[in-house]
Protein backbone atom coordinates (compact mmCIF):
# COMPACT_ATOMS: atom_id res chain seq x y z
CA MET A 1 -1.82 -79.20 5.46
CA GLY A 2 -5.02 -78.28 3.65
CA LYS A 3 -6.69 -76.98 6.81
CA VAL A 4 -3.70 -74.85 7.73
CA ALA A 5 -3.61 -73.38 4.24
CA VAL A 6 -7.30 -72.47 4.39
CA GLY A 7 -6.87 -70.92 7.82
CA ALA A 8 -3.95 -68.82 6.63
CA ALA A 9 -5.95 -67.64 3.66
CA VAL A 10 -8.80 -66.51 5.90
CA VAL A 11 -6.42 -64.60 8.20
CA CYS A 12 -4.75 -62.85 5.21
CA ALA A 13 -8.09 -61.87 3.78
CA ALA A 14 -9.15 -60.36 7.10
CA ALA A 15 -5.93 -58.39 7.31
CA VAL A 16 -6.41 -57.01 3.80
CA CYS A 17 -9.98 -55.97 4.64
CA ALA A 18 -8.82 -54.21 7.80
CA ALA A 19 -6.10 -52.36 5.89
CA ALA A 20 -8.56 -51.36 3.20
CA ALA A 21 -10.96 -50.05 5.85
CA LEU A 22 -8.17 -47.95 7.37
CA VAL A 23 -7.31 -46.47 3.96
CA VAL A 24 -10.96 -45.62 3.29
CA ARG A 25 -11.33 -43.98 6.71
CA HIS A 26 -8.11 -42.00 6.11
CA ARG A 27 -9.37 -40.84 2.73
CA ILE A 28 -12.69 -39.79 4.19
CA LYS A 29 -10.92 -37.92 6.98
CA SER A 30 -8.51 -36.28 4.53
CA SER A 31 -11.38 -35.40 2.24
CA GLY A 32 -13.17 -33.72 5.13
CA LYS A 33 -10.11 -31.65 5.99
CA TRP A 34 -9.63 -30.60 2.39
CA ALA A 35 -13.31 -29.65 2.15
CA ARG A 36 -12.88 -27.49 5.26
CA THR A 37 -9.80 -25.83 3.73
CA LEU A 38 -11.72 -24.97 0.58
CA ALA A 39 -14.68 -23.76 2.64
CA ILE A 40 -12.41 -21.33 4.56
CA LEU A 41 -10.94 -20.08 1.28
CA LYS A 42 -14.35 -19.66 -0.37
CA GLU A 43 -15.83 -17.85 2.63
CA PHE A 44 -12.86 -15.48 2.73
CA GLU A 45 -13.14 -14.81 -1.01
CA GLU A 46 -16.83 -13.99 -0.69
CA LYS A 47 -16.27 -11.56 2.19
CA CYS A 48 -13.40 -9.89 0.27
CA GLY A 49 -15.67 -9.37 -2.72
CA THR A 50 -15.30 -6.04 -4.52
CA PRO A 51 -17.96 -5.90 -7.23
CA ILE A 52 -18.13 -2.63 -9.13
CA SER A 53 -21.31 -1.65 -7.29
CA LYS A 54 -19.49 -1.87 -3.93
CA LEU A 55 -16.42 -0.04 -5.24
CA LYS A 56 -18.61 2.82 -6.42
CA GLN A 57 -20.04 3.04 -2.91
CA VAL A 58 -16.51 3.16 -1.50
CA ALA A 59 -15.55 5.91 -3.97
CA ASP A 60 -18.66 7.92 -3.07
CA ALA A 61 -17.93 7.48 0.64
CA MET A 62 -14.36 8.71 0.08
CA THR A 63 -15.69 11.85 -1.62
CA VAL A 64 -18.17 12.49 1.21
CA GLU A 65 -15.46 12.11 3.84
CA MET A 66 -13.18 14.47 1.90
CA HIS A 67 -15.86 17.16 2.01
CA ALA A 68 -16.39 16.55 5.74
CA GLY A 69 -12.67 16.71 6.50
CA LEU A 70 -12.32 19.99 4.60
CA ALA A 71 -15.32 21.48 6.38
CA SER A 72 -13.93 21.33 9.92
CA GLU A 73 -11.11 19.92 11.99
CA GLY A 74 -12.19 16.53 13.29
CA GLY A 75 -15.13 16.46 10.90
CA SER A 76 -13.98 13.18 9.40
CA LYS A 77 -11.61 10.28 9.91
CA LEU A 78 -9.84 11.80 6.91
CA LYS A 79 -7.74 14.58 8.42
CA MET A 80 -7.51 16.52 5.14
CA ILE A 81 -4.50 18.45 6.43
CA ILE A 82 -3.84 21.88 4.91
CA SER A 83 -0.18 21.66 3.82
CA TYR A 84 0.35 25.39 3.18
CA VAL A 85 1.97 24.37 -0.10
CA ASP A 86 0.16 26.60 -2.59
CA ASN A 87 2.64 26.38 -5.46
CA LEU A 88 4.09 23.32 -7.13
CA PRO A 89 7.18 23.10 -9.34
CA THR A 90 6.87 24.21 -12.96
CA GLY A 91 10.23 23.19 -14.37
CA ASP A 92 11.59 26.75 -14.35
CA GLU A 93 13.44 26.25 -11.07
CA LYS A 94 17.19 26.91 -11.08
CA GLY A 95 19.84 26.64 -8.41
CA LEU A 96 21.46 24.25 -5.97
CA PHE A 97 19.17 22.73 -3.37
CA TYR A 98 19.35 20.15 -0.62
CA ALA A 99 16.78 17.76 0.85
CA LEU A 100 16.91 15.83 4.12
CA ASP A 101 15.03 12.55 3.87
CA LEU A 102 14.25 11.02 7.26
CA GLY A 103 13.00 7.47 6.83
CA GLY A 104 12.20 4.71 9.28
CA THR A 105 15.76 3.37 9.53
CA ASN A 106 17.88 5.60 7.28
CA PHE A 107 18.73 9.28 6.98
CA ARG A 108 19.57 10.62 3.52
CA VAL A 109 20.94 13.96 2.38
CA LEU A 110 20.36 14.89 -1.27
CA ARG A 111 22.06 17.63 -3.29
CA VAL A 112 20.37 18.60 -6.57
CA GLN A 113 21.37 21.09 -9.24
CA LEU A 114 18.38 22.38 -11.21
CA GLY A 115 18.87 24.03 -14.58
CA GLY A 116 15.44 25.32 -15.54
CA LYS A 117 13.15 24.20 -18.37
CA GLU A 118 15.91 23.21 -20.78
CA SER A 119 18.28 21.37 -18.43
CA ARG A 120 15.90 20.24 -15.67
CA VAL A 121 17.85 18.13 -13.14
CA VAL A 122 21.44 18.80 -14.10
CA LYS A 123 23.03 16.74 -11.36
CA GLN A 124 22.00 14.90 -8.23
CA GLU A 125 23.90 13.04 -5.55
CA PHE A 126 23.21 11.76 -2.07
CA GLU A 127 24.71 10.31 1.08
CA GLU A 128 22.84 7.85 3.30
CA VAL A 129 23.50 6.69 6.85
CA SER A 130 21.69 4.34 9.19
CA ILE A 131 19.90 5.89 12.14
CA PRO A 132 21.34 4.59 15.46
CA PRO A 133 18.74 2.47 17.29
CA HIS A 134 18.81 4.68 20.40
CA LEU A 135 17.69 7.65 18.29
CA MET A 136 14.70 5.79 16.80
CA THR A 137 12.83 5.66 20.09
CA GLY A 138 12.13 8.25 22.70
CA SER A 139 9.61 10.39 24.51
CA SER A 140 7.04 12.46 22.65
CA ASP A 141 6.93 15.02 25.54
CA VAL A 142 9.40 17.58 23.93
CA GLY A 143 6.84 18.85 21.37
CA GLN A 144 9.28 21.17 19.59
CA ASP A 145 8.94 22.56 16.08
CA VAL A 146 11.01 20.40 13.72
CA VAL A 147 11.98 23.28 11.43
CA GLY A 148 13.06 25.44 14.37
CA GLU A 149 15.19 22.70 15.87
CA LEU A 150 16.78 21.90 12.49
CA THR A 151 17.57 25.58 11.94
CA LYS A 152 19.27 25.81 15.37
CA ALA A 153 21.28 22.66 14.64
CA MET A 154 22.54 24.10 11.34
CA GLU A 155 23.48 27.36 13.02
CA ARG A 156 25.48 25.49 15.68
CA VAL A 157 27.71 23.91 13.04
CA GLY A 158 27.97 27.07 10.95
CA LEU A 159 25.83 26.08 7.96
CA ASP A 160 24.46 29.07 6.06
CA MET A 161 21.24 27.38 4.98
CA ARG A 162 17.50 28.04 5.26
CA VAL A 163 14.70 25.50 5.53
CA ALA A 164 12.29 26.22 2.69
CA ALA A 165 9.73 23.44 3.09
CA LEU A 166 8.79 20.59 5.41
CA VAL A 167 6.78 17.92 3.58
CA ASN A 168 5.90 14.26 3.71
CA ASP A 169 6.64 11.80 0.93
CA THR A 170 3.14 12.03 -0.56
CA ILE A 171 3.35 15.76 -1.16
CA GLY A 172 6.88 15.22 -2.42
CA THR A 173 5.52 12.70 -4.91
CA LEU A 174 2.93 15.24 -6.02
CA ALA A 175 5.66 17.85 -6.50
CA GLY A 176 7.87 15.46 -8.45
CA GLY A 177 4.95 14.47 -10.63
CA ARG A 178 3.95 18.07 -11.35
CA TYR A 179 7.58 18.98 -12.17
CA ASN A 180 7.49 16.46 -15.02
CA ASN A 181 3.84 16.83 -16.02
CA PRO A 182 1.65 19.92 -15.49
CA ASP A 183 -1.49 17.76 -15.65
CA VAL A 184 -0.74 16.00 -12.34
CA VAL A 185 -3.63 16.64 -9.94
CA ALA A 186 -3.02 14.07 -7.21
CA ALA A 187 -0.44 11.69 -5.80
CA VAL A 188 -0.78 8.34 -4.05
CA ILE A 189 1.77 6.34 -2.08
CA LEU A 190 1.29 2.57 -2.15
CA GLY A 191 4.16 1.10 -0.22
CA THR A 192 4.67 -0.11 3.33
CA GLY A 193 2.07 2.50 4.22
CA THR A 194 -0.34 4.43 2.06
CA ASN A 195 -1.48 8.03 1.68
CA ALA A 196 -2.82 10.48 -0.89
CA ALA A 197 -2.49 14.19 -1.57
CA TYR A 198 -4.09 16.39 -4.20
CA VAL A 199 -4.45 19.97 -5.38
CA GLU A 200 -7.63 21.58 -4.04
CA ARG A 201 -9.16 24.95 -4.88
CA ALA A 202 -8.49 27.11 -1.84
CA HIS A 203 -12.02 28.56 -1.81
CA ALA A 204 -13.38 25.00 -1.48
CA ILE A 205 -11.80 24.57 1.97
CA PRO A 206 -14.35 25.83 4.54
CA LYS A 207 -11.96 25.33 7.46
CA TRP A 208 -9.41 27.67 5.84
CA HIS A 209 -9.72 31.02 7.62
CA GLY A 210 -6.70 32.90 6.34
CA LEU A 211 -6.18 34.95 3.21
CA LEU A 212 -6.55 32.90 0.08
CA PRO A 213 -3.20 32.17 -1.62
CA LYS A 214 -2.45 34.05 -4.82
CA SER A 215 -2.32 30.82 -6.78
CA GLY A 216 -5.86 29.96 -5.70
CA ASP A 217 -4.69 26.44 -4.93
CA MET A 218 -3.76 24.49 -1.83
CA VAL A 219 -2.24 21.03 -1.55
CA ILE A 220 -4.20 18.79 0.83
CA ASN A 221 -2.55 15.91 2.64
CA MET A 222 -5.48 13.53 2.99
CA GLU A 223 -4.00 10.91 5.34
CA TRP A 224 -6.36 8.54 3.55
CA GLY A 225 -5.05 5.48 5.38
CA ASN A 226 -7.47 6.41 8.17
CA PHE A 227 -10.50 6.28 5.84
CA ARG A 228 -13.21 3.88 6.87
CA SER A 229 -16.69 3.11 5.63
CA SER A 230 -19.43 0.55 6.17
CA HIS A 231 -18.94 -0.36 2.52
CA LEU A 232 -15.40 -1.66 3.03
CA PRO A 233 -15.32 -5.49 2.71
CA LEU A 234 -13.89 -6.22 6.14
CA THR A 235 -13.40 -9.84 7.25
CA GLU A 236 -12.79 -11.49 10.61
CA TYR A 237 -9.07 -11.53 9.79
CA ASP A 238 -9.03 -7.75 9.27
CA GLN A 239 -10.86 -7.21 12.53
CA GLU A 240 -8.46 -9.46 14.44
CA LEU A 241 -5.44 -7.78 12.84
CA ASP A 242 -6.82 -4.38 13.83
CA ALA A 243 -7.57 -5.49 17.39
CA ASP A 244 -4.02 -6.83 17.79
CA SER A 245 -2.40 -3.70 16.33
CA LEU A 246 -0.82 -0.78 18.19
CA ASN A 247 -3.62 1.51 16.95
CA PRO A 248 -6.96 -0.36 17.13
CA GLY A 249 -9.74 1.35 15.24
CA GLU A 250 -7.34 3.53 13.26
CA GLN A 251 -5.85 3.30 9.76
CA ILE A 252 -8.47 0.78 8.64
CA PHE A 253 -8.05 1.55 4.92
CA GLU A 254 -4.28 1.26 5.23
CA LYS A 255 -4.59 -2.10 6.94
CA MET A 256 -6.54 -3.41 3.95
CA ILE A 257 -4.39 -2.11 1.09
CA SER A 258 -0.80 -1.37 2.13
CA GLY A 259 2.33 -3.48 1.99
CA MET A 260 2.71 -3.52 5.75
CA TYR A 261 -0.37 -5.70 6.16
CA LEU A 262 -1.16 -7.76 3.03
CA GLY A 263 1.25 -10.58 3.87
CA GLU A 264 0.00 -10.64 7.44
CA ILE A 265 -3.60 -11.13 6.26
CA VAL A 266 -2.45 -14.11 4.18
CA ARG A 267 -0.67 -15.54 7.24
CA ARG A 268 -3.77 -15.23 9.38
CA VAL A 269 -5.92 -17.12 6.86
CA LEU A 270 -3.28 -19.85 6.54
CA TYR A 271 -3.18 -20.11 10.33
CA LYS A 272 -6.91 -20.76 10.43
CA MET A 273 -6.57 -23.39 7.71
CA ALA A 274 -3.76 -25.04 9.68
CA GLU A 275 -5.70 -24.96 12.94
CA GLU A 276 -9.15 -25.97 11.71
CA ALA A 277 -8.37 -28.10 8.65
CA GLU A 278 -4.86 -29.39 9.42
CA PHE A 279 -3.77 -27.81 6.15
CA PHE A 280 -0.08 -28.36 6.95
CA GLY A 281 -0.48 -31.58 8.91
CA ASP A 282 -1.47 -32.68 12.40
CA THR A 283 0.11 -29.66 14.12
CA VAL A 284 0.25 -25.96 13.34
CA PRO A 285 3.76 -25.04 12.11
CA PRO A 286 5.40 -22.96 14.88
CA LYS A 287 6.66 -20.26 12.52
CA LEU A 288 3.14 -19.71 11.19
CA LYS A 289 2.15 -18.45 14.63
CA ILE A 290 4.54 -15.48 14.43
CA PRO A 291 2.79 -12.20 13.41
CA PHE A 292 4.18 -10.46 10.32
CA ILE A 293 6.66 -13.26 9.58
CA LEU A 294 5.12 -13.53 6.10
CA ARG A 295 5.84 -10.19 4.45
CA THR A 296 4.21 -8.75 1.36
CA PRO A 297 7.34 -9.23 -0.83
CA HIS A 298 7.11 -12.96 0.02
CA MET A 299 3.44 -12.92 -0.88
CA SER A 300 4.18 -11.14 -4.15
CA ALA A 301 6.84 -13.71 -5.09
CA MET A 302 4.39 -16.58 -4.50
CA HIS A 303 1.60 -14.77 -6.34
CA HIS A 304 3.83 -14.26 -9.39
CA ASP A 305 5.05 -17.87 -9.46
CA THR A 306 4.54 -19.21 -13.00
CA SER A 307 6.53 -22.44 -12.68
CA PRO A 308 4.52 -25.62 -13.47
CA ASP A 309 5.09 -27.05 -9.99
CA LEU A 310 4.93 -23.68 -8.18
CA LYS A 311 8.51 -24.11 -7.02
CA VAL A 312 8.76 -20.53 -5.73
CA VAL A 313 5.81 -21.13 -3.41
CA ALA A 314 7.43 -24.30 -2.07
CA THR A 315 10.73 -22.50 -1.52
CA LYS A 316 9.14 -19.56 0.31
CA LEU A 317 7.14 -21.87 2.58
CA LYS A 318 10.28 -23.81 3.45
CA ASP A 319 12.59 -20.82 3.92
CA ILE A 320 10.19 -18.55 5.83
CA LEU A 321 7.78 -20.88 7.63
CA GLU A 322 9.90 -24.06 7.72
CA ILE A 323 7.08 -25.93 5.99
CA SER A 324 8.16 -28.61 3.53
CA ASN A 325 6.57 -31.45 1.57
CA THR A 326 3.56 -29.45 0.40
CA SER A 327 1.53 -30.84 -2.47
CA LEU A 328 0.86 -28.96 -5.70
CA LYS A 329 -2.82 -28.55 -4.85
CA MET A 330 -1.84 -27.00 -1.49
CA ARG A 331 0.47 -24.58 -3.24
CA LYS A 332 -2.32 -23.67 -5.66
CA VAL A 333 -4.56 -22.78 -2.70
CA ILE A 334 -1.85 -20.47 -1.37
CA VAL A 335 -1.49 -18.70 -4.73
CA GLU A 336 -5.26 -18.26 -4.87
CA LEU A 337 -5.23 -16.85 -1.35
CA CYS A 338 -2.54 -14.32 -2.32
CA ASP A 339 -4.62 -13.36 -5.34
CA ILE A 340 -7.72 -12.71 -3.22
CA VAL A 341 -5.86 -10.43 -0.80
CA ALA A 342 -3.98 -8.53 -3.52
CA THR A 343 -7.06 -8.11 -5.70
CA ARG A 344 -9.11 -6.66 -2.86
CA GLY A 345 -6.33 -4.21 -1.97
CA ALA A 346 -5.76 -3.15 -5.56
CA ARG A 347 -9.43 -2.61 -6.31
CA LEU A 348 -9.99 -0.63 -3.11
CA SER A 349 -6.98 1.54 -4.02
CA ALA A 350 -8.59 2.26 -7.37
CA ALA A 351 -11.88 3.17 -5.66
CA GLY A 352 -10.01 5.62 -3.43
CA ILE A 353 -8.44 7.31 -6.47
CA VAL A 354 -11.84 7.59 -8.11
CA GLY A 355 -13.13 9.23 -4.93
CA ILE A 356 -10.48 11.95 -5.33
CA LEU A 357 -11.30 12.42 -9.02
CA LYS A 358 -14.99 12.74 -8.12
CA LYS A 359 -14.17 15.46 -5.59
CA LEU A 360 -12.32 17.34 -8.32
CA GLY A 361 -15.10 16.79 -10.85
CA ARG A 362 -12.79 14.82 -13.10
CA ASP A 363 -14.70 11.54 -13.09
CA ILE A 364 -17.08 12.58 -15.86
CA VAL A 365 -16.98 14.30 -19.23
CA LYS A 366 -18.65 17.72 -18.96
CA ASP A 367 -20.19 19.28 -22.08
CA GLY A 368 -17.89 17.23 -24.26
CA GLU A 369 -14.80 18.67 -22.53
CA LYS A 370 -12.18 16.06 -21.78
CA LEU A 371 -9.81 17.11 -19.03
CA LYS A 372 -6.59 15.17 -18.81
CA SER A 373 -5.90 14.14 -15.22
CA VAL A 374 -2.62 12.57 -14.16
CA VAL A 375 -2.21 10.76 -10.85
CA ALA A 376 1.38 10.31 -9.69
CA LEU A 377 2.07 7.05 -7.85
CA ASP A 378 5.06 5.86 -5.87
CA GLY A 379 5.88 3.16 -3.36
CA GLY A 380 7.26 -0.35 -3.45
CA LEU A 381 3.85 -2.03 -3.55
CA TYR A 382 2.92 -0.14 -6.71
CA GLU A 383 6.36 -0.36 -8.27
CA HIS A 384 7.24 -4.01 -7.61
CA TYR A 385 3.98 -5.94 -7.15
CA THR A 386 3.05 -6.18 -10.84
CA LYS A 387 -0.26 -8.04 -10.40
CA PHE A 388 -1.39 -5.52 -7.79
CA ARG A 389 -0.54 -2.60 -10.08
CA THR A 390 -2.21 -4.14 -13.15
CA CYS A 391 -5.36 -4.99 -11.21
CA MET A 392 -5.58 -1.46 -9.81
CA GLU A 393 -5.20 0.15 -13.24
CA ASN A 394 -7.75 -2.19 -14.83
CA THR A 395 -10.21 -1.45 -12.03
CA LEU A 396 -9.87 2.29 -12.67
CA THR A 397 -10.99 1.69 -16.25
CA GLU A 398 -13.93 -0.39 -15.03
CA LEU A 399 -15.05 2.29 -12.60
CA LEU A 400 -14.63 5.28 -14.89
CA GLY A 401 -15.64 3.81 -18.22
CA ASP A 402 -13.64 3.98 -21.42
CA GLU A 403 -14.48 7.59 -22.31
CA VAL A 404 -13.30 9.06 -19.02
CA SER A 405 -10.48 6.60 -18.36
CA ASP A 406 -8.87 7.55 -21.68
CA ASN A 407 -8.09 10.89 -20.04
CA ILE A 408 -6.90 9.50 -16.70
CA VAL A 409 -3.19 8.70 -16.65
CA ILE A 410 -1.25 6.90 -13.94
CA GLU A 411 2.42 7.86 -13.86
CA HIS A 412 5.23 6.61 -11.68
CA SER A 413 6.75 9.52 -9.75
CA ASN A 414 9.92 8.15 -8.22
CA ASP A 415 11.53 9.24 -4.94
CA GLY A 416 8.94 11.71 -3.70
CA SER A 417 10.58 11.89 -0.29
CA GLY A 418 13.87 12.90 -1.91
CA ILE A 419 13.83 14.66 -5.25
CA GLY A 420 10.21 15.79 -4.75
CA ALA A 421 11.10 17.51 -1.49
CA THR A 422 14.07 19.17 -3.19
CA LEU A 423 11.81 20.50 -5.93
CA LEU A 424 9.43 21.95 -3.35
CA ALA A 425 12.34 23.65 -1.63
CA ALA A 426 13.29 25.14 -4.99
CA CYS A 427 9.71 26.17 -5.70
CA HIS A 428 9.42 28.03 -2.39
CA SER A 429 12.81 29.72 -2.52
CA GLN A 430 14.19 32.60 -4.48
CA TYR A 431 16.08 31.16 -7.42
CA ILE A 432 19.78 30.97 -6.65
CA GLU A 433 22.38 30.73 -9.40
CA VAL A 434 25.22 28.60 -8.10
CA GLU A 435 28.42 27.59 -9.84
CA GLU A 436 29.48 23.99 -9.23
CA SER A 437 32.84 23.76 -7.51
């Protein structure tokens, strides 16, 4: 009996040693994967770096490209389109006006009653319908003037109306901002896409060959989403996203800062972590392979998660990517990743705004004169992604310094594509007194 007992003891001891060895090897393997995950995150953070010195270079490059785009057609990636809007609303406008807002999936008709300085917007109402899918795609061979075709369509149904202005949402945002504040000098859209417009001195537009407008001003539609510079902190993920897009080599700035792409950048980094470091386990989650499945609102929700166990992050991963059983430290990595992407986008947005202010000479205090400059902003990214907005505004202060930034105001100008367009129609029409029926 004694020999058997000793033999059993030896066998048990060997089994325990083998199990312990397996645990140690597993820990070493897991530790290696985690180290690789953190290495991917750190490398990405370094390449996304936006120190003030780099942001100043981006701002300077924006100013240079603005000059080049104003000098000649095709002179820059920035199109710097002359809008032919030389007057913006003052608040004196009176009458009944309509705006047609054509979005990506919806068509909206607005009716606005303006009552001048004292009453401002007396009444506004709208109707919205979904655009039928078969009308959202088609050939681009027609090449007809939109205003002309709209005018013909109104004549066919007996509408006694005239088209006063055709504008995009950025210029509409500028108009809406100026209507409420005469110090508004520029407007920026930070939403699904991004763009900027500003008020330029007409004599500072070399490619303008017509008579100078009486106002001396001209609104410029920058199309700043197409801005690019060697100073932009591009990463391998940005380059892959661009290569896979429908417009490779175009809209580089937009692909780094707008709501259409931020969530996709996060997805691409997570995919690399899953593939190279088994971040989500032995296999890459199938849903994670789908481009644009992780949208910026999802990213924003995870980034703003303040729960102790990051429950929102866990819920989003499960609902969107069908990934469950994530650890708290994994969820913390995802929040940090969201922060890196949002911070880069917000700080680059701020640098772009500073580039516009530099072009207008409003980035410094001249001879003790402090000019108040208001920038009107709109778009879901700016309005709803609080950490993005706060980071952008703080970066503006960093770039401009306290003395100048005290005179730079960011204001939310809501519904530029709707009410702003209506105000421009009013501004470019003879005032019409209309009694409400």
